[in-house]
C-alpha atoms as a PDB file:
ATOM      1  CA  MET A   1       0.002  -0.009   0.012  1.00  0.00           C
ATOM      2  CA  THR A   2       1.423   3.368  -0.988  1.00  0.00           C
ATOM      3  CA  PRO A   3       1.566   6.304   1.482  1.00  0.00           C
ATOM      4  CA  SER A   4      -1.260   8.047  -0.234  1.00  0.00           C
ATOM      5  CA  GLU A   5      -3.410   4.978  -0.117  1.00  0.00           C
ATOM      6  CA  GLN A   6      -2.555   4.779   3.571  1.00  0.00           C
ATOM      7  CA  ILE A   7      -3.723   8.387   4.066  1.00  0.00           C
ATOM      8  CA  ASP A   8      -6.909   7.650   2.137  1.00  0.00           C
ATOM      9  CA  LYS A   9      -7.505   4.666   4.464  1.00  0.00           C
ATOM     10  CA  LEU A  10      -7.036   6.858   7.558  1.00  0.00           C
ATOM     11  CA  ILE A  11      -9.426   9.496   6.295  1.00  0.00           C
ATOM     12  CA  ASP A  12     -12.028   6.846   5.493  1.00  0.00           C
ATOM     13  CA  GLY A  13     -11.508   5.380   8.981  1.00  0.00           C
ATOM     14  CA  LEU A  14     -12.178   8.668  10.735  1.00  0.00           C
ATOM     15  CA  LYS A  15     -15.926   8.720  10.897  1.00  0.00           C
ATOM     16  CA  ASP A  16     -16.292  12.105  12.455  1.00  0.00           C
ATOM     17  CA  TRP A  17     -15.320  15.740  11.768  1.00  0.00           C
ATOM     18  CA  ARG A  18     -11.514  14.781  11.877  1.00  0.00           C
ATOM     19  CA  GLY A  19     -11.835  12.913   8.542  1.00  0.00           C
ATOM     20  CA  ASP A  20     -13.393  15.787   6.780  1.00  0.00           C
ATOM     21  CA  MET A  21     -10.860  18.310   8.269  1.00  0.00           C
ATOM     22  CA  LEU A  22      -7.927  16.041   7.278  1.00  0.00           C
ATOM     23  CA  ALA A  23      -9.182  15.684   3.784  1.00  0.00           C
ATOM     24  CA  LYS A  24      -9.527  19.441   3.379  1.00  0.00           C
ATOM     25  CA  VAL A  25      -6.040  20.321   4.779  1.00  0.00           C
ATOM     26  CA  ARG A  26      -4.482  17.549   2.715  1.00  0.00           C
ATOM     27  CA  LYS A  27      -6.025  19.071  -0.488  1.00  0.00           C
ATOM     28  CA  THR A  28      -4.755  22.396   0.533  1.00  0.00           C
ATOM     29  CA  ILE A  29      -1.299  21.275   1.326  1.00  0.00           C
ATOM     30  CA  LEU A  30      -0.869  19.462  -1.970  1.00  0.00           C
ATOM     31  CA  ALA A  31      -2.237  22.457  -3.865  1.00  0.00           C
ATOM     32  CA  ALA A  32       0.505  24.709  -2.505  1.00  0.00           C
ATOM     33  CA  ASP A  33       3.163  23.156  -4.686  1.00  0.00           C
ATOM     34  CA  ARG A  34       3.204  20.299  -7.250  1.00  0.00           C
ATOM     35  CA  GLY A  35       6.410  18.978  -5.946  1.00  0.00           C
ATOM     36  CA  ILE A  36       5.092  18.015  -2.582  1.00  0.00           C
ATOM     37  CA  VAL A  37       5.308  14.273  -1.889  1.00  0.00           C
ATOM     38  CA  GLU A  38       3.108  12.260   0.607  1.00  0.00           C
ATOM     39  CA  GLU A  39       4.704   9.886   2.974  1.00  0.00           C
ATOM     40  CA  TRP A  40       3.358   7.555   5.772  1.00  0.00           C
ATOM     41  CA  LYS A  41       5.700   7.448   8.803  1.00  0.00           C
ATOM     42  CA  TRP A  42       6.167   6.484  12.499  1.00  0.00           C
ATOM     43  CA  MET A  43       2.982   5.365  14.257  1.00  0.00           C
ATOM     44  CA  GLY A  44       0.633   6.020  11.375  1.00  0.00           C
ATOM     45  CA  SER A  45       1.160   9.675  10.531  1.00  0.00           C
ATOM     46  CA  PRO A  46       0.534  11.385   7.123  1.00  0.00           C
ATOM     47  CA  VAL A  47       3.571  13.460   6.203  1.00  0.00           C
ATOM     48  CA  TRP A  48       4.137  15.883   3.464  1.00  0.00           C
ATOM     49  CA  GLU A  49       7.685  16.553   2.138  1.00  0.00           C
ATOM     50  CA  LYS A  50       9.677  18.588  -0.268  1.00  0.00           C
ATOM     51  CA  ASN A  51      13.427  18.927   0.340  1.00  0.00           C
ATOM     52  CA  GLY A  52      12.651  17.508   3.772  1.00  0.00           C
ATOM     53  CA  ILE A  53       9.566  17.175   6.054  1.00  0.00           C
ATOM     54  CA  LEU A  54       7.088  20.081   5.787  1.00  0.00           C
ATOM     55  CA  VAL A  55       4.002  19.059   7.805  1.00  0.00           C
ATOM     56  CA  VAL A  56       3.001  16.053   9.947  1.00  0.00           C
ATOM     57  CA  ALA A  57      -0.680  15.440  10.593  1.00  0.00           C
ATOM     58  CA  THR A  58      -1.851  13.597  13.774  1.00  0.00           C
ATOM     59  CA  ALA A  59      -5.437  12.683  14.395  1.00  0.00           C
ATOM     60  CA  LEU A  60      -5.911  12.831  18.146  1.00  0.00           C
ATOM     61  CA  LYS A  61      -9.006  12.028  20.063  1.00  0.00           C
ATOM     62  CA  LYS A  62     -10.347  15.597  20.235  1.00  0.00           C
ATOM     63  CA  LYS A  63      -8.269  17.478  17.668  1.00  0.00           C
ATOM     64  CA  LEU A  64      -6.316  17.297  14.488  1.00  0.00           C
ATOM     65  CA  LYS A  65      -2.638  18.466  14.918  1.00  0.00           C
ATOM     66  CA  LEU A  66      -0.684  19.817  11.970  1.00  0.00           C
ATOM     67  CA  THR A  67       2.946  20.040  13.047  1.00  0.00           C
ATOM     68  CA  PHE A  68       5.385  22.069  10.945  1.00  0.00           C
ATOM     69  CA  SER A  69       8.857  20.519  11.578  1.00  0.00           C
ATOM     70  CA  HIS A  70      10.594  23.889  11.378  1.00  0.00           C
ATOM     71  CA  GLY A  71       7.674  26.081  12.220  1.00  0.00           C
ATOM     72  CA  ALA A  72       9.697  28.239  14.684  1.00  0.00           C
ATOM     73  CA  GLN A  73      11.696  29.535  11.648  1.00  0.00           C
ATOM     74  CA  LEU A  74       8.639  30.528   9.623  1.00  0.00           C
ATOM     75  CA  GLU A  75       6.927  33.922   9.363  1.00  0.00           C
ATOM     76  CA  ASP A  76       3.215  33.359  10.323  1.00  0.00           C
ATOM     77  CA  PRO A  77       1.414  36.650   9.559  1.00  0.00           C
ATOM     78  CA  ASP A  78      -2.038  34.973   9.634  1.00  0.00           C
ATOM     79  CA  LYS A  79      -1.297  33.658  13.162  1.00  0.00           C
ATOM     80  CA  LEU A  80      -2.214  30.002  12.263  1.00  0.00           C
ATOM     81  CA  PHE A  81       0.191  28.502  14.793  1.00  0.00           C
ATOM     82  CA  ASN A  82      -1.421  27.965  18.231  1.00  0.00           C
ATOM     83  CA  ASN A  83       0.891  25.430  19.786  1.00  0.00           C
ATOM     84  CA  GLY A  84       4.502  24.614  20.289  1.00  0.00           C
ATOM     85  CA  PHE A  85       5.703  28.067  21.392  1.00  0.00           C
ATOM     86  CA  GLY A  86       7.809  26.640  24.164  1.00  0.00           C
ATOM     87  CA  GLY A  87      10.300  25.158  21.760  1.00  0.00           C
ATOM     88  CA  SER A  88      12.751  26.563  19.258  1.00  0.00           C
ATOM     89  CA  VAL A  89      12.060  24.105  16.360  1.00  0.00           C
ATOM     90  CA  TRP A  90       8.444  23.013  15.618  1.00  0.00           C
ATOM     91  CA  ARG A  91       5.171  24.879  15.738  1.00  0.00           C
ATOM     92  CA  ALA A  92       1.688  23.322  15.349  1.00  0.00           C
ATOM     93  CA  ILE A  93      -1.841  24.176  14.358  1.00  0.00           C
ATOM     94  CA  ASP A  94      -4.299  22.395  16.672  1.00  0.00           C
ATOM     95  CA  LEU A  95      -7.805  22.062  15.007  1.00  0.00           C
ATOM     96  CA  ALA A  96     -10.881  21.251  17.163  1.00  0.00           C
ATOM     97  CA  GLU A  97     -14.346  20.426  16.070  1.00  0.00           C
ATOM     98  CA  GLY A  98     -16.050  23.398  14.498  1.00  0.00           C
ATOM     99  CA  ASP A  99     -12.701  25.184  13.757  1.00  0.00           C
ATOM    100  CA  LYS A 100     -12.045  26.659  10.357  1.00  0.00           C
ATOM    101  CA  ILE A 101      -8.732  27.314   8.639  1.00  0.00           C
ATOM    102  CA  SER A 102      -8.086  29.704   5.753  1.00  0.00           C
ATOM    103  CA  ALA A 103      -6.905  27.704   2.705  1.00  0.00           C
ATOM    104  CA  PRO A 104      -4.845  30.713   1.322  1.00  0.00           C
ATOM    105  CA  ALA A 105      -3.205  31.202   4.633  1.00  0.00           C
ATOM    106  CA  LEU A 106      -2.203  27.516   4.992  1.00  0.00           C
ATOM    107  CA  LYS A 107      -0.926  27.456   1.514  1.00  0.00           C
ATOM    108  CA  LYS A 108       1.203  30.529   2.255  1.00  0.00           C
ATOM    109  CA  LEU A 109       2.610  28.813   5.286  1.00  0.00           C
ATOM    110  CA  VAL A 110       3.354  25.598   3.416  1.00  0.00           C
ATOM    111  CA  ARG A 111       5.215  27.612   0.801  1.00  0.00           C
ATOM    112  CA  ALA A 112       7.226  29.279   3.421  1.00  0.00           C
ATOM    113  CA  ALA A 113       8.215  25.893   4.825  1.00  0.00           C
ATOM    114  CA  ILE A 114       9.286  24.798   1.319  1.00  0.00           C
ATOM    115  CA  ALA A 115      11.445  27.914   0.922  1.00  0.00           C
ATOM    116  CA  TYR A 116      12.999  27.206   4.281  1.00  0.00           C
ATOM    117  CA  ASN A 117      13.833  23.606   3.363  1.00  0.00           C
ATOM    118  CA  GLN A 118      15.260  24.652   0.006  1.00  0.00           C
ATOM    119  CA  ALA A 119      17.436  27.274   1.671  1.00  0.00           C
ATOM    120  CA  LYS A 120      18.656  24.877   4.207  1.00  0.00           C
ATOM    121  CA  ALA A 121      19.500  22.250   1.462  1.00  0.00           C
ATOM    122  CA  ALA A 122      21.286  24.860  -0.528  1.00  0.00           C
ATOM    123  CA  LYS A 123      23.364  26.013   2.333  1.00  0.00           C
ATOM    124  CA  LYS A 124      24.255  22.449   3.203  1.00  0.00           C
ATOM    125  CA  ALA A 125      25.242  21.681  -0.385  1.00  0.00           C
ATOM    126  CA  GLY A 126      27.503  24.807  -0.505  1.00  0.00           C
ATOM    127  CA  ALA A 127      29.182  24.254   2.862  1.00  0.00           C
ATOM    128  CA  PRO A 128      32.882  23.725   2.458  1.00  0.00           C
ATOM    129  CA  ARG A 129      34.131  20.248   3.294  1.00  0.00           C
ATOM    130  CA  ALA A 130      37.175  19.439   5.392  1.00  0.00           C
ATOM    131  CA  LYS A 131      40.081  18.133   3.396  1.00  0.00           C
ATOM    132  CA  SER A 132      40.684  14.463   3.611  1.00  0.00           C
ATOM    133  CA  GLY A 133      43.788  13.615   5.596  1.00  0.00           C
ATOM    134  CA  ALA A 134      44.249  17.248   6.751  1.00  0.00           C
ATOM    135  CA  ALA A 135      46.335  17.390   9.967  1.00  0.00           C
ATOM    136  CA  ALA A 136      44.821  19.016  12.884  1.00  0.00           C
ATOM    137  CA  LYS A 137      46.493  22.205  14.193  1.00  0.00           C
ATOM    138  CA  PRO A 138      48.564  21.436  17.302  1.00  0.00           C
ATOM    139  CA  LYS A 139      47.432  23.000  20.456  1.00  0.00           C
ATOM    140  CA  THR A 140      49.826  25.020  22.716  1.00  0.00           C
ATOM    141  CA  ALA A 141      50.814  23.507  26.025  1.00  0.00           C
ATOM    142  CA  ALA A 142      49.114  26.305  27.787  1.00  0.00           C
ATOM    143  CA  LYS A 143      45.794  25.251  26.384  1.00  0.00           C
ATOM    144  CA  THR A 144      46.249  21.578  26.803  1.00  0.00           C
ATOM    145  CA  ALA A 145      47.968  21.487  30.195  1.00  0.00           C
ATOM    146  CA  GLY A 146      45.861  19.627  32.878  1.00  0.00           C
ATOM    147  CA  THR A 147      43.105  18.852  30.411  1.00  0.00           C
ATOM    148  CA  ALA A 148      41.935  15.366  29.962  1.00  0.00           C
ATOM    149  CA  THR A 149      41.155  14.385  26.419  1.00  0.00           C
ATOM    150  CA  THR A 150      39.843  11.362  24.509  1.00  0.00           C
ATOM    151  CA  LYS A 151      41.211  10.030  21.216  1.00  0.00           C
ATOM    152  CA  SER A 152      39.254   8.670  18.333  1.00  0.00           C
ATOM    153  CA  ALA A 153      40.600   7.826  14.907  1.00  0.00           C
ATOM    154  CA  GLY A 154      43.833   9.701  15.654  1.00  0.00           C
ATOM    155  CA  LYS A 155      41.940  12.916  16.550  1.00  0.00           C
ATOM    156  CA  THR A 156      41.966  14.619  19.981  1.00  0.00           C
ATOM    157  CA  ARG A 157      38.756  15.977  21.330  1.00  0.00           C
ATOM    158  CA  PRO A 158      37.678  17.551  24.728  1.00  0.00           C
ATOM    159  CA  PRO A 159      36.099  15.273  27.274  1.00  0.00           C
ATOM    160  CA  LEU A 160      32.361  15.060  27.602  1.00  0.00           C
ATOM    161  CA  LYS A 161      30.977  17.296  30.404  1.00  0.00           C
ATOM    162  CA  PRO A 162      28.100  16.252  32.721  1.00  0.00           C
ATOM    163  CA  ASN A 163      24.922  18.181  32.546  1.00  0.00           C
ATOM    164  CA  LYS A 164      23.446  20.008  35.581  1.00  0.00           C
ATOM    165  CA  ASP A 165      22.349  16.817  37.131  1.00  0.00           C
ATOM    166  CA  GLY A 166      25.926  15.291  36.868  1.00  0.00           C
ATOM    167  CA  VAL A 167      24.949  12.966  33.890  1.00  0.00           C
ATOM    168  CA  VAL A 168      27.104  12.904  30.891  1.00  0.00           C
ATOM    169  CA  LEU A 169      25.396  13.188  27.517  1.00  0.00           C
ATOM    170  CA  LEU A 170      27.008  11.021  24.896  1.00  0.00           C
ATOM    171  CA  SER A 171      26.930  11.500  21.126  1.00  0.00           C
ATOM    172  CA  GLY A 172      23.602  12.817  20.064  1.00  0.00           C
ATOM    173  CA  GLY A 173      22.502  13.650  23.637  1.00  0.00           C
ATOM    174  CA  ASN A 174      21.953  10.121  24.800  1.00  0.00           C
ATOM    175  CA  PRO A 175      22.472   9.963  28.636  1.00  0.00           C
ATOM    176  CA  GLN A 176      25.367   7.859  30.036  1.00  0.00           C
ATOM    177  CA  ILE A 177      23.653   5.724  32.661  1.00  0.00           C
ATOM    178  CA  ALA A 178      25.450   2.913  34.380  1.00  0.00           C
ATOM    179  CA  LYS A 179      24.238  -0.638  33.719  1.00  0.00           C
ATOM    180  CA  GLY A 180      21.507  -1.570  36.272  1.00  0.00           C
ATOM    181  CA  ASP A 181      18.332  -3.515  36.847  1.00  0.00           C
ATOM    182  CA  GLY A 182      14.973  -2.168  37.993  1.00  0.00           C
ATOM    183  CA  ASP A 183      12.996   1.076  37.523  1.00  0.00           C
ATOM    184  CA  ALA A 184      15.601   3.462  39.180  1.00  0.00           C
ATOM    185  CA  PRO A 185      18.256   3.447  36.319  1.00  0.00           C
ATOM    186  CA  VAL A 186      15.477   3.726  33.726  1.00  0.00           C
ATOM    187  CA  GLN A 187      14.095   6.799  35.497  1.00  0.00           C
ATOM    188  CA  ALA A 188      17.590   8.213  35.812  1.00  0.00           C
ATOM    189  CA  TYR A 189      17.967   7.869  32.048  1.00  0.00           C
ATOM    190  CA  ILE A 190      14.622   9.581  31.305  1.00  0.00           C
ATOM    191  CA  ALA A 191      15.267  12.368  33.741  1.00  0.00           C
ATOM    192  CA  ALA A 192      18.548  13.141  31.945  1.00  0.00           C
ATOM    193  CA  LEU A 193      17.079  13.228  28.478  1.00  0.00           C
ATOM    194  CA  PRO A 194      17.211  16.796  27.063  1.00  0.00           C
ATOM    195  CA  GLY A 195      14.272  18.908  26.180  1.00  0.00           C
ATOM    196  CA  TRP A 196      11.177  17.333  24.521  1.00  0.00           C
ATOM    197  CA  LYS A 197      12.737  13.949  24.670  1.00  0.00           C
ATOM    198  CA  ARG A 198      12.229  13.785  28.531  1.00  0.00           C
ATOM    199  CA  GLU A 199       8.403  14.381  28.152  1.00  0.00           C
ATOM    200  CA  PHE A 200       8.200  11.727  25.450  1.00  0.00           C
ATOM    201  CA  GLY A 201      10.233   9.232  27.582  1.00  0.00           C
ATOM    202  CA  GLU A 202       7.993   9.794  30.602  1.00  0.00           C
ATOM    203  CA  ARG A 203       4.856   9.365  28.477  1.00  0.00           C
ATOM    204  CA  LEU A 204       6.134   6.190  26.915  1.00  0.00           C
ATOM    205  CA  ASP A 205       7.325   4.765  30.193  1.00  0.00           C
ATOM    206  CA  ALA A 206       3.970   5.332  31.831  1.00  0.00           C
ATOM    207  CA  LEU A 207       2.162   3.695  28.830  1.00  0.00           C
ATOM    208  CA  ILE A 208       4.371   0.690  29.107  1.00  0.00           C
ATOM    209  CA  GLU A 209       3.769   0.348  32.798  1.00  0.00           C
ATOM    210  CA  LYS A 210       0.095   0.624  32.300  1.00  0.00           C
ATOM    211  CA  THR A 211      -0.055  -1.891  29.423  1.00  0.00           C
ATOM    212  CA  VAL A 212       2.392  -4.604  30.291  1.00  0.00           C
ATOM    213  CA  PRO A 213       1.975  -6.877  33.462  1.00  0.00           C
ATOM    214  CA  HIS A 214       4.961  -8.469  35.198  1.00  0.00           C
ATOM    215  CA  LEU A 215       7.150  -5.741  33.620  1.00  0.00           C
ATOM    216  CA  ARG A 216      10.907  -5.830  33.972  1.00  0.00           C
ATOM    217  CA  LYS A 217      13.137  -2.837  33.408  1.00  0.00           C
ATOM    218  CA  ALA A 218      16.870  -2.296  33.124  1.00  0.00           C
ATOM    219  CA  VAL A 219      19.577  -0.148  31.505  1.00  0.00           C
ATOM    220  CA  ARG A 220      22.080  -1.791  29.182  1.00  0.00           C
ATOM    221  CA  TRP A 221      24.593  -0.065  26.827  1.00  0.00           C
ATOM    222  CA  ASN A 222      23.163   3.351  27.832  1.00  0.00           C
ATOM    223  CA  SER A 223      19.641   2.372  26.815  1.00  0.00           C
ATOM    224  CA  PRO A 224      16.554   1.453  28.756  1.00  0.00           C
ATOM    225  CA  PHE A 225      15.167  -2.039  28.073  1.00  0.00           C
ATOM    226  CA  TYR A 226      11.737  -3.334  28.883  1.00  0.00           C
ATOM    227  CA  GLY A 227      10.878  -7.009  29.262  1.00  0.00           C
ATOM    228  CA  VAL A 228       8.693  -9.590  30.985  1.00  0.00           C
ATOM    229  CA  GLU A 229      10.048 -11.705  33.834  1.00  0.00           C
ATOM    230  CA  GLY A 230      11.237 -15.014  32.567  1.00  0.00           C
ATOM    231  CA  GLN A 231      10.545 -14.123  28.895  1.00  0.00           C
ATOM    232  CA  GLY A 232      13.287 -11.693  27.986  1.00  0.00           C
ATOM    233  CA  TRP A 233      13.434  -8.127  26.567  1.00  0.00           C
ATOM    234  CA  PHE A 234      10.813  -6.943  23.980  1.00  0.00           C
ATOM    235  CA  LEU A 235      11.729  -3.184  23.633  1.00  0.00           C
ATOM    236  CA  GLY A 236      14.625  -0.810  23.834  1.00  0.00           C
ATOM    237  CA  ILE A 237      14.968   2.958  23.625  1.00  0.00           C
ATOM    238  CA  HIS A 238      17.894   5.048  22.468  1.00  0.00           C
ATOM    239  CA  ALA A 239      18.180   8.896  22.049  1.00  0.00           C
ATOM    240  CA  PHE A 240      19.805  10.432  19.040  1.00  0.00           C
ATOM    241  CA  SER A 241      20.532  14.139  18.300  1.00  0.00           C
ATOM    242  CA  LYS A 242      17.154  14.733  16.545  1.00  0.00           C
ATOM    243  CA  TYR A 243      15.004  11.787  17.500  1.00  0.00           C
ATOM    244  CA  VAL A 244      14.340   8.939  19.835  1.00  0.00           C
ATOM    245  CA  LYS A 245      14.471   5.390  18.489  1.00  0.00           C
ATOM    246  CA  VAL A 246      11.924   2.946  19.971  1.00  0.00           C
ATOM    247  CA  THR A 247      12.945  -0.580  18.886  1.00  0.00           C
ATOM    248  CA  PHE A 248      10.723  -3.645  19.136  1.00  0.00           C
ATOM    249  CA  ILE A 249      13.292  -6.433  19.341  1.00  0.00           C
ATOM    250  CA  LYS A 250      10.967  -8.997  17.740  1.00  0.00           C
ATOM    251  CA  GLY A 251       9.207  -6.386  15.613  1.00  0.00           C
ATOM    252  CA  THR A 252       8.664  -8.583  12.553  1.00  0.00           C
ATOM    253  CA  SER A 253       6.020 -10.441  14.625  1.00  0.00           C
ATOM    254  CA  LEU A 254       3.895  -7.364  15.216  1.00  0.00           C
ATOM    255  CA  LYS A 255       0.797  -6.336  13.224  1.00  0.00           C
ATOM    256  CA  PRO A 256       0.819  -3.844  11.660  1.00  0.00           C
ATOM    257  CA  LEU A 257       4.515  -3.923  11.035  1.00  0.00           C
ATOM    258  CA  PRO A 258       6.389  -0.882  12.718  1.00  0.00           C
ATOM    259  CA  PRO A 259       7.738   1.312   9.925  1.00  0.00           C
ATOM    260  CA  GLY A 260      11.473   1.283  10.734  1.00  0.00           C
ATOM    261  CA  GLY A 261      13.761  -1.475   9.488  1.00  0.00           C
ATOM    262  CA  THR A 262      14.637  -3.604   6.506  1.00  0.00           C
ATOM    263  CA  PRO A 263      15.256  -7.379   5.818  1.00  0.00           C
ATOM    264  CA  LYS A 264      18.874  -6.680   6.863  1.00  0.00           C
ATOM    265  CA  SER A 265      17.670  -5.553  10.313  1.00  0.00           C
ATOM    266  CA  GLY A 266      16.783  -9.123  11.287  1.00  0.00           C
ATOM    267  CA  GLU A 267      13.676  -9.368  13.565  1.00  0.00           C
ATOM    268  CA  ALA A 268      13.943  -5.819  14.889  1.00  0.00           C
ATOM    269  CA  ARG A 269      11.604  -3.063  13.735  1.00  0.00           C
ATOM    270  CA  TRP A 270      11.391   0.386  15.195  1.00  0.00           C
ATOM    271  CA  ILE A 271       9.880   3.856  15.325  1.00  0.00           C
ATOM    272  CA  ASP A 272      11.884   7.083  14.977  1.00  0.00           C
ATOM    273  CA  VAL A 273      10.168   9.765  16.946  1.00  0.00           C
ATOM    274  CA  TYR A 274      10.983  13.422  16.253  1.00  0.00           C
ATOM    275  CA  GLU A 275      10.105  16.586  18.106  1.00  0.00           C
ATOM    276  CA  GLY A 276       6.485  17.442  17.589  1.00  0.00           C
ATOM    277  CA  ASP A 277       5.391  13.998  16.667  1.00  0.00           C
ATOM    278  CA  GLY A 278       2.278  12.661  18.297  1.00  0.00           C
ATOM    279  CA  LEU A 279       2.285   9.521  20.249  1.00  0.00           C
ATOM    280  CA  ASP A 280      -0.586   7.255  19.032  1.00  0.00           C
ATOM    281  CA  ASP A 281      -1.238   5.555  22.528  1.00  0.00           C
ATOM    282  CA  LYS A 282      -3.761   3.235  21.140  1.00  0.00           C
ATOM    283  CA  GLN A 283      -1.503   1.768  18.390  1.00  0.00           C
ATOM    284  CA  MET A 284       1.539   1.713  20.699  1.00  0.00           C
ATOM    285  CA  ALA A 285      -0.520  -0.114  23.386  1.00  0.00           C
ATOM    286  CA  LYS A 286      -1.566  -2.738  20.834  1.00  0.00           C
ATOM    287  CA  TRP A 287       2.183  -3.278  19.723  1.00  0.00           C
ATOM    288  CA  LEU A 288       3.275  -3.438  23.372  1.00  0.00           C
ATOM    289  CA  LYS A 289       0.765  -6.138  24.187  1.00  0.00           C
ATOM    290  CA  GLN A 290       1.784  -8.171  21.111  1.00  0.00           C
ATOM    291  CA  ALA A 291       5.449  -7.726  21.880  1.00  0.00           C
ATOM    292  CA  ALA A 292       5.140  -8.662  25.576  1.00  0.00           C
ATOM    293  CA  ALA A 293       3.234 -11.775  24.726  1.00  0.00           C
ATOM    294  CA  ILE A 294       5.944 -13.536  22.620  1.00  0.00           C
ATOM    295  CA  PRO A 295       9.400 -14.776  23.770  1.00  0.00           C
ATOM    296  CA  GLY A 296      11.852 -11.883  23.851  1.00  0.00           C
ATOM    297  CA  TRP A 297      15.615 -11.405  23.656  1.00  0.00           C
ATOM    298  CA  MET A 298      17.307 -13.325  26.513  1.00  0.00           C
ATOM    299  CA  ALA A 299      20.483 -11.526  27.659  1.00  0.00           C
END
């Protein structure tokens, strides 16, 4: 099934005002530019792209959310944005039953998002690249004296510094938490997540606790793992710079199949959650129940 067919199916399945609203905004978004491509990502979200993600739609219980991935960088003269002002990246338009949205204003906002993506892509393409094999400039003794460093691939870099809670954030902002069993190390990991990732981690952890009986938790390799006593691990979490990866270890056994992964990934399938993404609690709960019911990874 193509992404457009998936979106058609979602609209048909929404038997209330959300289906009609999603159909209208979809038509308006596609009319803004012929080059816009429809995608279907994460936990069942319509996505519109051109030179990167423009808009993500999420059908929630009482509203339809349109999240612009770089909305904070866009001019919004028509004041369409009404959510996400606490962050510096995304902005959203939350539409409730009875709300109306100006098609010309929405088109204007989509075109602004396209222009931002194009400018960002052009800047990236024109950025000078470091010369291969170029030697790093030596530092003076005054600058390096008494400073611990780490070496990787022949390069010297400064040591990672702890955050305000004393936790070191590794590459991509993933917290460095010591190996341990139980809820405590998992909560320490979640508490150390930066920004929006912490809220997502708390929400997902609460949903797992609510859904899965006889739950077992641990931190391994700086990642929380969730399992069932005597049955092994069924899910792991890892934070990257721009998203959080939620991996179902035996994901190929789940229906519908989580979107992340290829045949080369073995049995694992995953969801990459970005800032502004909605969490489909209902779909996630279904996956969690399925994953917890089958033998997991024993380690």
